[in-house]
Amino acid sequence: NSDADAVYYVQKQLDAMLSHGTVQSVIQYFSTHPEK
């Protein structure tokens, strides 16, 4: 039942994840720590 405000805040959240490269950090960590 997300309204326009909820949709907006998700984009703000995604902007932070993309700006910091969160997924890329996870990918790099597990590629360089195969023992995990």
PDB file of all heavy atoms in Angstrom:
ATOM      1  N   ASN A   1       0.819  -1.216   0.000  1.00  0.00           N
ATOM      2  CA  ASN A   1       0.000   0.000   0.000  1.00  0.00           C
ATOM      3  C   ASN A   1       0.854   1.268   0.000  1.00  0.00           C
ATOM      4  O   ASN A   1       0.428   2.315   0.497  1.00  0.00           O
ATOM      5  CB  ASN A   1      -0.979   0.007   1.178  1.00  0.00           C
ATOM      6  CG  ASN A   1      -0.275   0.051   2.522  1.00  0.00           C
ATOM      7  OD1 ASN A   1       0.924  -0.200   2.601  1.00  0.00           O
ATOM      8  ND2 ASN A   1      -1.019   0.355   3.572  1.00  0.00           N
ATOM      9  N   SER A   2       2.053   1.178  -0.557  1.00  0.00           N
ATOM     10  CA  SER A   2       2.955   2.330  -0.619  1.00  0.00           C
ATOM     11  C   SER A   2       2.299   3.517  -1.309  1.00  0.00           C
ATOM     12  O   SER A   2       1.695   3.374  -2.372  1.00  0.00           O
ATOM     13  CB  SER A   2       4.238   1.964  -1.371  1.00  0.00           C
ATOM     14  OG  SER A   2       4.999   1.022  -0.655  1.00  0.00           O
ATOM     15  N   ASP A   3       2.427   4.701  -0.682  1.00  0.00           N
ATOM     16  CA  ASP A   3       1.970   5.923  -1.327  1.00  0.00           C
ATOM     17  C   ASP A   3       3.166   6.606  -1.982  1.00  0.00           C
ATOM     18  O   ASP A   3       4.285   6.067  -2.005  1.00  0.00           O
ATOM     19  CB  ASP A   3       1.280   6.851  -0.317  1.00  0.00           C
ATOM     20  CG  ASP A   3       2.175   7.219   0.864  1.00  0.00           C
ATOM     21  OD1 ASP A   3       3.411   6.998   0.789  1.00  0.00           O
ATOM     22  OD2 ASP A   3       1.649   7.734   1.864  1.00  0.00           O
ATOM     23  N   ALA A   4       2.970   7.803  -2.506  1.00  0.00           N
ATOM     24  CA  ALA A   4       4.042   8.500  -3.218  1.00  0.00           C
ATOM     25  C   ALA A   4       5.239   8.771  -2.308  1.00  0.00           C
ATOM     26  O   ALA A   4       6.395   8.702  -2.751  1.00  0.00           O
ATOM     27  CB  ALA A   4       3.510   9.809  -3.807  1.00  0.00           C
ATOM     28  N   ASP A   5       4.977   9.063  -1.029  1.00  0.00           N
ATOM     29  CA  ASP A   5       6.082   9.313  -0.090  1.00  0.00           C
ATOM     30  C   ASP A   5       6.946   8.067   0.077  1.00  0.00           C
ATOM     31  O   ASP A   5       8.178   8.146   0.090  1.00  0.00           O
ATOM     32  CB  ASP A   5       5.540   9.747   1.273  1.00  0.00           C
ATOM     33  CG  ASP A   5       5.045  11.182   1.278  1.00  0.00           C
ATOM     34  OD1 ASP A   5       5.404  11.935   0.341  1.00  0.00           O
ATOM     35  OD2 ASP A   5       4.301  11.552   2.197  1.00  0.00           O
ATOM     36  N   ALA A   6       6.292   6.912   0.238  1.00  0.00           N
ATOM     37  CA  ALA A   6       7.040   5.665   0.402  1.00  0.00           C
ATOM     38  C   ALA A   6       7.896   5.374  -0.828  1.00  0.00           C
ATOM     39  O   ALA A   6       9.052   4.953  -0.715  1.00  0.00           O
ATOM     40  CB  ALA A   6       6.082   4.510   0.662  1.00  0.00           C
ATOM     41  N   VAL A   7       7.343   5.607  -1.994  1.00  0.00           N
ATOM     42  CA  VAL A   7       8.080   5.391  -3.245  1.00  0.00           C
ATOM     43  C   VAL A   7       9.291   6.321  -3.304  1.00  0.00           C
ATOM     44  O   VAL A   7      10.398   5.911  -3.677  1.00  0.00           O
ATOM     45  CB  VAL A   7       7.167   5.626  -4.462  1.00  0.00           C
ATOM     46  CG1 VAL A   7       7.957   5.523  -5.771  1.00  0.00           C
ATOM     47  CG2 VAL A   7       6.013   4.619  -4.465  1.00  0.00           C
ATOM     48  N   TYR A   8       9.089   7.562  -2.905  1.00  0.00           N
ATOM     49  CA  TYR A   8      10.165   8.552  -2.924  1.00  0.00           C
ATOM     50  C   TYR A   8      11.323   8.115  -2.019  1.00  0.00           C
ATOM     51  O   TYR A   8      12.491   8.165  -2.416  1.00  0.00           O
ATOM     52  CB  TYR A   8       9.632   9.905  -2.461  1.00  0.00           C
ATOM     53  CG  TYR A   8      10.712  10.926  -2.167  1.00  0.00           C
ATOM     54  CD1 TYR A   8      11.289  11.677  -3.191  1.00  0.00           C
ATOM     55  CD2 TYR A   8      11.170  11.126  -0.861  1.00  0.00           C
ATOM     56  CE1 TYR A   8      12.289  12.606  -2.919  1.00  0.00           C
ATOM     57  CE2 TYR A   8      12.165  12.056  -0.586  1.00  0.00           C
ATOM     58  CZ  TYR A   8      12.724  12.786  -1.621  1.00  0.00           C
ATOM     59  OH  TYR A   8      13.718  13.677  -1.355  1.00  0.00           O
ATOM     60  N   TYR A   9      11.017   7.690  -0.795  1.00  0.00           N
ATOM     61  CA  TYR A   9      12.073   7.331   0.149  1.00  0.00           C
ATOM     62  C   TYR A   9      12.859   6.095  -0.292  1.00  0.00           C
ATOM     63  O   TYR A   9      14.047   5.951   0.040  1.00  0.00           O
ATOM     64  CB  TYR A   9      11.494   7.138   1.544  1.00  0.00           C
ATOM     65  CG  TYR A   9      11.184   8.452   2.230  1.00  0.00           C
ATOM     66  CD1 TYR A   9       9.870   8.829   2.510  1.00  0.00           C
ATOM     67  CD2 TYR A   9      12.204   9.333   2.579  1.00  0.00           C
ATOM     68  CE1 TYR A   9       9.587  10.048   3.120  1.00  0.00           C
ATOM     69  CE2 TYR A   9      11.935  10.545   3.200  1.00  0.00           C
ATOM     70  CZ  TYR A   9      10.625  10.900   3.458  1.00  0.00           C
ATOM     71  OH  TYR A   9      10.365  12.112   4.052  1.00  0.00           O
ATOM     72  N   VAL A  10      12.222   5.202  -1.042  1.00  0.00           N
ATOM     73  CA  VAL A  10      12.964   4.067  -1.586  1.00  0.00           C
ATOM     74  C   VAL A  10      14.021   4.545  -2.576  1.00  0.00           C
ATOM     75  O   VAL A  10      15.150   4.039  -2.603  1.00  0.00           O
ATOM     76  CB  VAL A  10      12.017   3.056  -2.267  1.00  0.00           C
ATOM     77  CG1 VAL A  10      12.820   2.038  -3.087  1.00  0.00           C
ATOM     78  CG2 VAL A  10      11.174   2.329  -1.238  1.00  0.00           C
ATOM     79  N   GLN A  11      13.675   5.535  -3.393  1.00  0.00           N
ATOM     80  CA  GLN A  11      14.648   6.058  -4.365  1.00  0.00           C
ATOM     81  C   GLN A  11      15.806   6.738  -3.644  1.00  0.00           C
ATOM     82  O   GLN A  11      16.961   6.646  -4.080  1.00  0.00           O
ATOM     83  CB  GLN A  11      13.973   7.020  -5.349  1.00  0.00           C
ATOM     84  CG  GLN A  11      12.676   6.514  -5.972  1.00  0.00           C
ATOM     85  CD  GLN A  11      12.703   5.057  -6.366  1.00  0.00           C
ATOM     86  OE1 GLN A  11      13.598   4.603  -7.077  1.00  0.00           O
ATOM     87  NE2 GLN A  11      11.691   4.311  -5.919  1.00  0.00           N
ATOM     88  N   LYS A  12      15.508   7.400  -2.538  1.00  0.00           N
ATOM     89  CA  LYS A  12      16.573   7.998  -1.719  1.00  0.00           C
ATOM     90  C   LYS A  12      17.498   6.913  -1.181  1.00  0.00           C
ATOM     91  O   LYS A  12      18.733   7.053  -1.169  1.00  0.00           O
ATOM     92  CB  LYS A  12      15.949   8.787  -0.567  1.00  0.00           C
ATOM     93  CG  LYS A  12      16.953   9.467   0.348  1.00  0.00           C
ATOM     94  CD  LYS A  12      16.250  10.246   1.451  1.00  0.00           C
ATOM     95  CE  LYS A  12      17.266  10.940   2.366  1.00  0.00           C
ATOM     96  NZ  LYS A  12      16.586  11.686   3.456  1.00  0.00           N
ATOM     97  N   GLN A  13      16.905   5.832  -0.739  1.00  0.00           N
ATOM     98  CA  GLN A  13      17.646   4.675  -0.242  1.00  0.00           C
ATOM     99  C   GLN A  13      18.524   4.072  -1.349  1.00  0.00           C
ATOM    100  O   GLN A  13      19.715   3.790  -1.137  1.00  0.00           O
ATOM    101  CB  GLN A  13      16.625   3.654   0.261  1.00  0.00           C
ATOM    102  CG  GLN A  13      17.149   2.325   0.729  1.00  0.00           C
ATOM    103  CD  GLN A  13      15.989   1.397   1.080  1.00  0.00           C
ATOM    104  OE1 GLN A  13      14.864   1.559   0.593  1.00  0.00           O
ATOM    105  NE2 GLN A  13      16.260   0.425   1.921  1.00  0.00           N
ATOM    106  N   LEU A  14      17.956   3.907  -2.529  1.00  0.00           N
ATOM    107  CA  LEU A  14      18.708   3.357  -3.655  1.00  0.00           C
ATOM    108  C   LEU A  14      19.841   4.288  -4.081  1.00  0.00           C
ATOM    109  O   LEU A  14      20.925   3.836  -4.470  1.00  0.00           O
ATOM    110  CB  LEU A  14      17.770   3.087  -4.837  1.00  0.00           C
ATOM    111  CG  LEU A  14      16.929   1.818  -4.728  1.00  0.00           C
ATOM    112  CD1 LEU A  14      15.835   1.794  -5.800  1.00  0.00           C
ATOM    113  CD2 LEU A  14      17.821   0.586  -4.855  1.00  0.00           C
ATOM    114  N   ASP A  15      19.589   5.579  -4.010  1.00  0.00           N
ATOM    115  CA  ASP A  15      20.624   6.545  -4.360  1.00  0.00           C
ATOM    116  C   ASP A  15      21.837   6.369  -3.448  1.00  0.00           C
ATOM    117  O   ASP A  15      22.991   6.422  -3.905  1.00  0.00           O
ATOM    118  CB  ASP A  15      20.070   7.966  -4.249  1.00  0.00           C
ATOM    119  CG  ASP A  15      21.071   9.022  -4.694  1.00  0.00           C
ATOM    120  OD1 ASP A  15      21.511   8.963  -5.858  1.00  0.00           O
ATOM    121  OD2 ASP A  15      21.413   9.892  -3.885  1.00  0.00           O
ATOM    122  N   ALA A  16      21.587   6.143  -2.158  1.00  0.00           N
ATOM    123  CA  ALA A  16      22.691   5.929  -1.217  1.00  0.00           C
ATOM    124  C   ALA A  16      23.438   4.637  -1.521  1.00  0.00           C
ATOM    125  O   ALA A  16      24.679   4.602  -1.509  1.00  0.00           O
ATOM    126  CB  ALA A  16      22.156   5.906   0.217  1.00  0.00           C
ATOM    127  N   MET A  17      22.699   3.562  -1.803  1.00  0.00           N
ATOM    128  CA  MET A  17      23.337   2.284  -2.112  1.00  0.00           C
ATOM    129  C   MET A  17      24.186   2.379  -3.377  1.00  0.00           C
ATOM    130  O   MET A  17      25.317   1.874  -3.428  1.00  0.00           O
ATOM    131  CB  MET A  17      22.281   1.194  -2.288  1.00  0.00           C
ATOM    132  CG  MET A  17      21.571   0.775  -1.028  1.00  0.00           C
ATOM    133  SD  MET A  17      20.462  -0.641  -1.313  1.00  0.00           S
ATOM    134  CE  MET A  17      21.656  -1.948  -1.612  1.00  0.00           C
ATOM    135  N   LEU A  18      23.657   3.029  -4.404  1.00  0.00           N
ATOM    136  CA  LEU A  18      24.372   3.128  -5.670  1.00  0.00           C
ATOM    137  C   LEU A  18      25.561   4.079  -5.567  1.00  0.00           C
ATOM    138  O   LEU A  18      26.626   3.830  -6.149  1.00  0.00           O
ATOM    139  CB  LEU A  18      23.412   3.575  -6.777  1.00  0.00           C
ATOM    140  CG  LEU A  18      22.325   2.563  -7.150  1.00  0.00           C
ATOM    141  CD1 LEU A  18      21.297   3.189  -8.076  1.00  0.00           C
ATOM    142  CD2 LEU A  18      22.936   1.323  -7.789  1.00  0.00           C
ATOM    143  N   SER A  19      25.404   5.163  -4.830  1.00  0.00           N
ATOM    144  CA  SER A  19      26.492   6.125  -4.676  1.00  0.00           C
ATOM    145  C   SER A  19      27.688   5.505  -3.958  1.00  0.00           C
ATOM    146  O   SER A  19      28.844   5.791  -4.286  1.00  0.00           O
ATOM    147  CB  SER A  19      26.015   7.364  -3.903  1.00  0.00           C
ATOM    148  OG  SER A  19      25.006   8.048  -4.614  1.00  0.00           O
ATOM    149  N   HIS A  20      27.404   4.643  -2.984  1.00  0.00           N
ATOM    150  CA  HIS A  20      28.480   4.019  -2.219  1.00  0.00           C
ATOM    151  C   HIS A  20      28.945   2.695  -2.829  1.00  0.00           C
ATOM    152  O   HIS A  20      29.943   2.125  -2.364  1.00  0.00           O
ATOM    153  CB  HIS A  20      28.030   3.773  -0.777  1.00  0.00           C
ATOM    154  CG  HIS A  20      27.919   5.023   0.036  1.00  0.00           C
ATOM    155  ND1 HIS A  20      26.733   5.714   0.178  1.00  0.00           N
ATOM    156  CD2 HIS A  20      28.837   5.716   0.747  1.00  0.00           C
ATOM    157  CE1 HIS A  20      26.932   6.767   0.945  1.00  0.00           C
ATOM    158  NE2 HIS A  20      28.201   6.796   1.308  1.00  0.00           N
ATOM    159  N   GLY A  21      28.221   2.184  -3.811  1.00  0.00           N
ATOM    160  CA  GLY A  21      28.607   0.913  -4.409  1.00  0.00           C
ATOM    161  C   GLY A  21      28.485  -0.251  -3.444  1.00  0.00           C
ATOM    162  O   GLY A  21      29.374  -1.111  -3.361  1.00  0.00           O
ATOM    163  N   THR A  22      27.366  -0.302  -2.702  1.00  0.00           N
ATOM    164  CA  THR A  22      27.185  -1.328  -1.675  1.00  0.00           C
ATOM    165  C   THR A  22      27.294  -2.741  -2.229  1.00  0.00           C
ATOM    166  O   THR A  22      28.001  -3.591  -1.683  1.00  0.00           O
ATOM    167  CB  THR A  22      25.825  -1.152  -0.974  1.00  0.00           C
ATOM    168  OG1 THR A  22      25.724   0.181  -0.461  1.00  0.00           O
ATOM    169  CG2 THR A  22      25.668  -2.148   0.163  1.00  0.00           C
ATOM    170  N   VAL A  23      26.588  -3.008  -3.319  1.00  0.00           N
ATOM    171  CA  VAL A  23      26.615  -4.353  -3.904  1.00  0.00           C
ATOM    172  C   VAL A  23      28.017  -4.687  -4.401  1.00  0.00           C
ATOM    173  O   VAL A  23      28.514  -5.805  -4.212  1.00  0.00           O
ATOM    174  CB  VAL A  23      25.584  -4.472  -5.045  1.00  0.00           C
ATOM    175  CG1 VAL A  23      25.766  -5.786  -5.808  1.00  0.00           C
ATOM    176  CG2 VAL A  23      24.167  -4.384  -4.483  1.00  0.00           C
ATOM    177  N   GLN A  24      28.671  -3.733  -5.022  1.00  0.00           N
ATOM    178  CA  GLN A  24      30.029  -3.976  -5.505  1.00  0.00           C
ATOM    179  C   GLN A  24      30.978  -4.286  -4.347  1.00  0.00           C
ATOM    180  O   GLN A  24      31.893  -5.109  -4.485  1.00  0.00           O
ATOM    181  CB  GLN A  24      30.532  -2.759  -6.288  1.00  0.00           C
ATOM    182  CG  GLN A  24      29.920  -2.582  -7.661  1.00  0.00           C
ATOM    183  CD  GLN A  24      28.447  -2.169  -7.608  1.00  0.00           C
ATOM    184  OE1 GLN A  24      28.006  -1.530  -6.645  1.00  0.00           O
ATOM    185  NE2 GLN A  24      27.700  -2.526  -8.630  1.00  0.00           N
ATOM    186  N   SER A  25      30.764  -3.650  -3.199  1.00  0.00           N
ATOM    187  CA  SER A  25      31.593  -3.933  -2.027  1.00  0.00           C
ATOM    188  C   SER A  25      31.403  -5.370  -1.553  1.00  0.00           C
ATOM    189  O   SER A  25      32.375  -6.044  -1.180  1.00  0.00           O
ATOM    190  CB  SER A  25      31.250  -2.964  -0.893  1.00  0.00           C
ATOM    191  OG  SER A  25      31.575  -1.634  -1.240  1.00  0.00           O
ATOM    192  N   VAL A  26      30.157  -5.834  -1.564  1.00  0.00           N
ATOM    193  CA  VAL A  26      29.876  -7.219  -1.160  1.00  0.00           C
ATOM    194  C   VAL A  26      30.525  -8.188  -2.148  1.00  0.00           C
ATOM    195  O   VAL A  26      31.161  -9.177  -1.743  1.00  0.00           O
ATOM    196  CB  VAL A  26      28.356  -7.463  -1.078  1.00  0.00           C
ATOM    197  CG1 VAL A  26      28.064  -8.946  -0.830  1.00  0.00           C
ATOM    198  CG2 VAL A  26      27.735  -6.615   0.021  1.00  0.00           C
ATOM    199  N   ILE A  27      30.374  -7.910  -3.443  1.00  0.00           N
ATOM    200  CA  ILE A  27      30.968  -8.770  -4.470  1.00  0.00           C
ATOM    201  C   ILE A  27      32.483  -8.845  -4.297  1.00  0.00           C
ATOM    202  O   ILE A  27      33.084  -9.928  -4.326  1.00  0.00           O
ATOM    203  CB  ILE A  27      30.612  -8.252  -5.884  1.00  0.00           C
ATOM    204  CG1 ILE A  27      29.107  -8.414  -6.144  1.00  0.00           C
ATOM    205  CG2 ILE A  27      31.420  -8.994  -6.951  1.00  0.00           C
ATOM    206  CD1 ILE A  27      28.637  -7.760  -7.441  1.00  0.00           C
ATOM    207  N   GLN A  28      33.112  -7.696  -4.106  1.00  0.00           N
ATOM    208  CA  GLN A  28      34.568  -7.656  -3.958  1.00  0.00           C
ATOM    209  C   GLN A  28      35.019  -8.391  -2.703  1.00  0.00           C
ATOM    210  O   GLN A  28      36.015  -9.129  -2.721  1.00  0.00           O
ATOM    211  CB  GLN A  28      35.061  -6.212  -3.920  1.00  0.00           C
ATOM    212  CG  GLN A  28      36.584  -6.098  -3.816  1.00  0.00           C
ATOM    213  CD  GLN A  28      37.056  -4.657  -3.785  1.00  0.00           C
ATOM    214  OE1 GLN A  28      36.269  -3.734  -3.580  1.00  0.00           O
ATOM    215  NE2 GLN A  28      38.338  -4.449  -4.001  1.00  0.00           N
ATOM    216  N   TYR A  29      34.293  -8.205  -1.605  1.00  0.00           N
ATOM    217  CA  TYR A  29      34.679  -8.852  -0.353  1.00  0.00           C
ATOM    218  C   TYR A  29      34.683 -10.372  -0.503  1.00  0.00           C
ATOM    219  O   TYR A  29      35.657 -11.043  -0.139  1.00  0.00           O
ATOM    220  CB  TYR A  29      33.745  -8.445   0.782  1.00  0.00           C
ATOM    221  CG  TYR A  29      34.097  -9.110   2.090  1.00  0.00           C
ATOM    222  CD1 TYR A  29      35.049  -8.554   2.933  1.00  0.00           C
ATOM    223  CD2 TYR A  29      33.492 -10.302   2.473  1.00  0.00           C
ATOM    224  CE1 TYR A  29      35.402  -9.174   4.128  1.00  0.00           C
ATOM    225  CE2 TYR A  29      33.838 -10.935   3.660  1.00  0.00           C
ATOM    226  CZ  TYR A  29      34.792 -10.374   4.482  1.00  0.00           C
ATOM    227  OH  TYR A  29      35.132 -11.001   5.645  1.00  0.00           O
ATOM    228  N   PHE A  30      33.616 -10.920  -1.047  1.00  0.00           N
ATOM    229  CA  PHE A  30      33.523 -12.373  -1.132  1.00  0.00           C
ATOM    230  C   PHE A  30      34.428 -12.954  -2.219  1.00  0.00           C
ATOM    231  O   PHE A  30      34.811 -14.125  -2.139  1.00  0.00           O
ATOM    232  CB  PHE A  30      32.066 -12.802  -1.323  1.00  0.00           C
ATOM    233  CG  PHE A  30      31.286 -12.788  -0.043  1.00  0.00           C
ATOM    234  CD1 PHE A  30      30.562 -11.660   0.327  1.00  0.00           C
ATOM    235  CD2 PHE A  30      31.312 -13.860   0.825  1.00  0.00           C
ATOM    236  CE1 PHE A  30      29.867 -11.621   1.531  1.00  0.00           C
ATOM    237  CE2 PHE A  30      30.628 -13.832   2.031  1.00  0.00           C
ATOM    238  CZ  PHE A  30      29.902 -12.711   2.385  1.00  0.00           C
ATOM    239  N   SER A  31      34.779 -12.139  -3.208  1.00  0.00           N
ATOM    240  CA  SER A  31      35.725 -12.617  -4.212  1.00  0.00           C
ATOM    241  C   SER A  31      37.156 -12.633  -3.685  1.00  0.00           C
ATOM    242  O   SER A  31      37.984 -13.426  -4.136  1.00  0.00           O
ATOM    243  CB  SER A  31      35.649 -11.751  -5.475  1.00  0.00           C
ATOM    244  OG  SER A  31      36.133 -10.438  -5.217  1.00  0.00           O
ATOM    245  N   THR A  32      37.449 -11.760  -2.712  1.00  0.00           N
ATOM    246  CA  THR A  32      38.795 -11.688  -2.142  1.00  0.00           C
ATOM    247  C   THR A  32      38.907 -12.423  -0.810  1.00  0.00           C
ATOM    248  O   THR A  32      39.991 -12.462  -0.222  1.00  0.00           O
ATOM    249  CB  THR A  32      39.223 -10.213  -1.940  1.00  0.00           C
ATOM    250  OG1 THR A  32      38.244  -9.548  -1.122  1.00  0.00           O
ATOM    251  CG2 THR A  32      39.333  -9.502  -3.284  1.00  0.00           C
ATOM    252  N   HIS A  33      37.793 -12.980  -0.338  1.00  0.00           N
ATOM    253  CA  HIS A  33      37.802 -13.771   0.890  1.00  0.00           C
ATOM    254  C   HIS A  33      37.146 -15.125   0.616  1.00  0.00           C
ATOM    255  O   HIS A  33      36.079 -15.444   1.183  1.00  0.00           O
ATOM    256  CB  HIS A  33      37.062 -13.048   2.020  1.00  0.00           C
ATOM    257  CG  HIS A  33      37.745 -11.823   2.521  1.00  0.00           C
ATOM    258  ND1 HIS A  33      37.776 -10.654   1.796  1.00  0.00           N
ATOM    259  CD2 HIS A  33      38.450 -11.577   3.669  1.00  0.00           C
ATOM    260  CE1 HIS A  33      38.453  -9.737   2.481  1.00  0.00           C
ATOM    261  NE2 HIS A  33      38.870 -10.282   3.611  1.00  0.00           N
ATOM    262  N   PRO A  34      37.772 -15.929  -0.249  1.00  0.00           N
ATOM    263  CA  PRO A  34      37.156 -17.219  -0.596  1.00  0.00           C
ATOM    264  C   PRO A  34      37.014 -18.157   0.589  1.00  0.00           C
ATOM    265  O   PRO A  34      36.223 -19.098   0.553  1.00  0.00           O
ATOM    266  CB  PRO A  34      38.125 -17.799  -1.641  1.00  0.00           C
ATOM    267  CG  PRO A  34      39.431 -17.121  -1.357  1.00  0.00           C
ATOM    268  CD  PRO A  34      39.068 -15.739  -0.917  1.00  0.00           C
ATOM    269  N   GLU A  35      37.777 -17.887   1.669  1.00  0.00           N
ATOM    270  CA  GLU A  35      37.676 -18.754   2.836  1.00  0.00           C
ATOM    271  C   GLU A  35      36.338 -18.600   3.540  1.00  0.00           C
ATOM    272  O   GLU A  35      35.890 -19.508   4.250  1.00  0.00           O
ATOM    273  CB  GLU A  35      38.808 -18.448   3.827  1.00  0.00           C
ATOM    274  CG  GLU A  35      38.659 -17.160   4.640  1.00  0.00           C
ATOM    275  CD  GLU A  35      39.076 -15.906   3.877  1.00  0.00           C
ATOM    276  OE1 GLU A  35      39.426 -16.029   2.695  1.00  0.00           O
ATOM    277  OE2 GLU A  35      39.043 -14.812   4.462  1.00  0.00           O
ATOM    278  N   LYS A  36      35.638 -17.440   3.351  1.00  0.00           N
ATOM    279  CA  LYS A  36      34.350 -17.239   4.017  1.00  0.00           C
ATOM    280  C   LYS A  36      33.279 -18.185   3.460  1.00  0.00           C
ATOM    281  O   LYS A  36      32.617 -18.880   4.226  1.00  0.00           O
ATOM    282  CB  LYS A  36      33.906 -15.774   3.905  1.00  0.00           C
ATOM    283  CG  LYS A  36      34.817 -14.811   4.673  1.00  0.00           C
ATOM    284  CD  LYS A  36      34.887 -15.153   6.155  1.00  0.00           C
ATOM    285  CE  LYS A  36      35.956 -14.346   6.871  1.00  0.00           C
ATOM    286  NZ  LYS A  36      35.594 -12.985   7.182  1.00  0.00           N
TER     287      LYS A  36
END
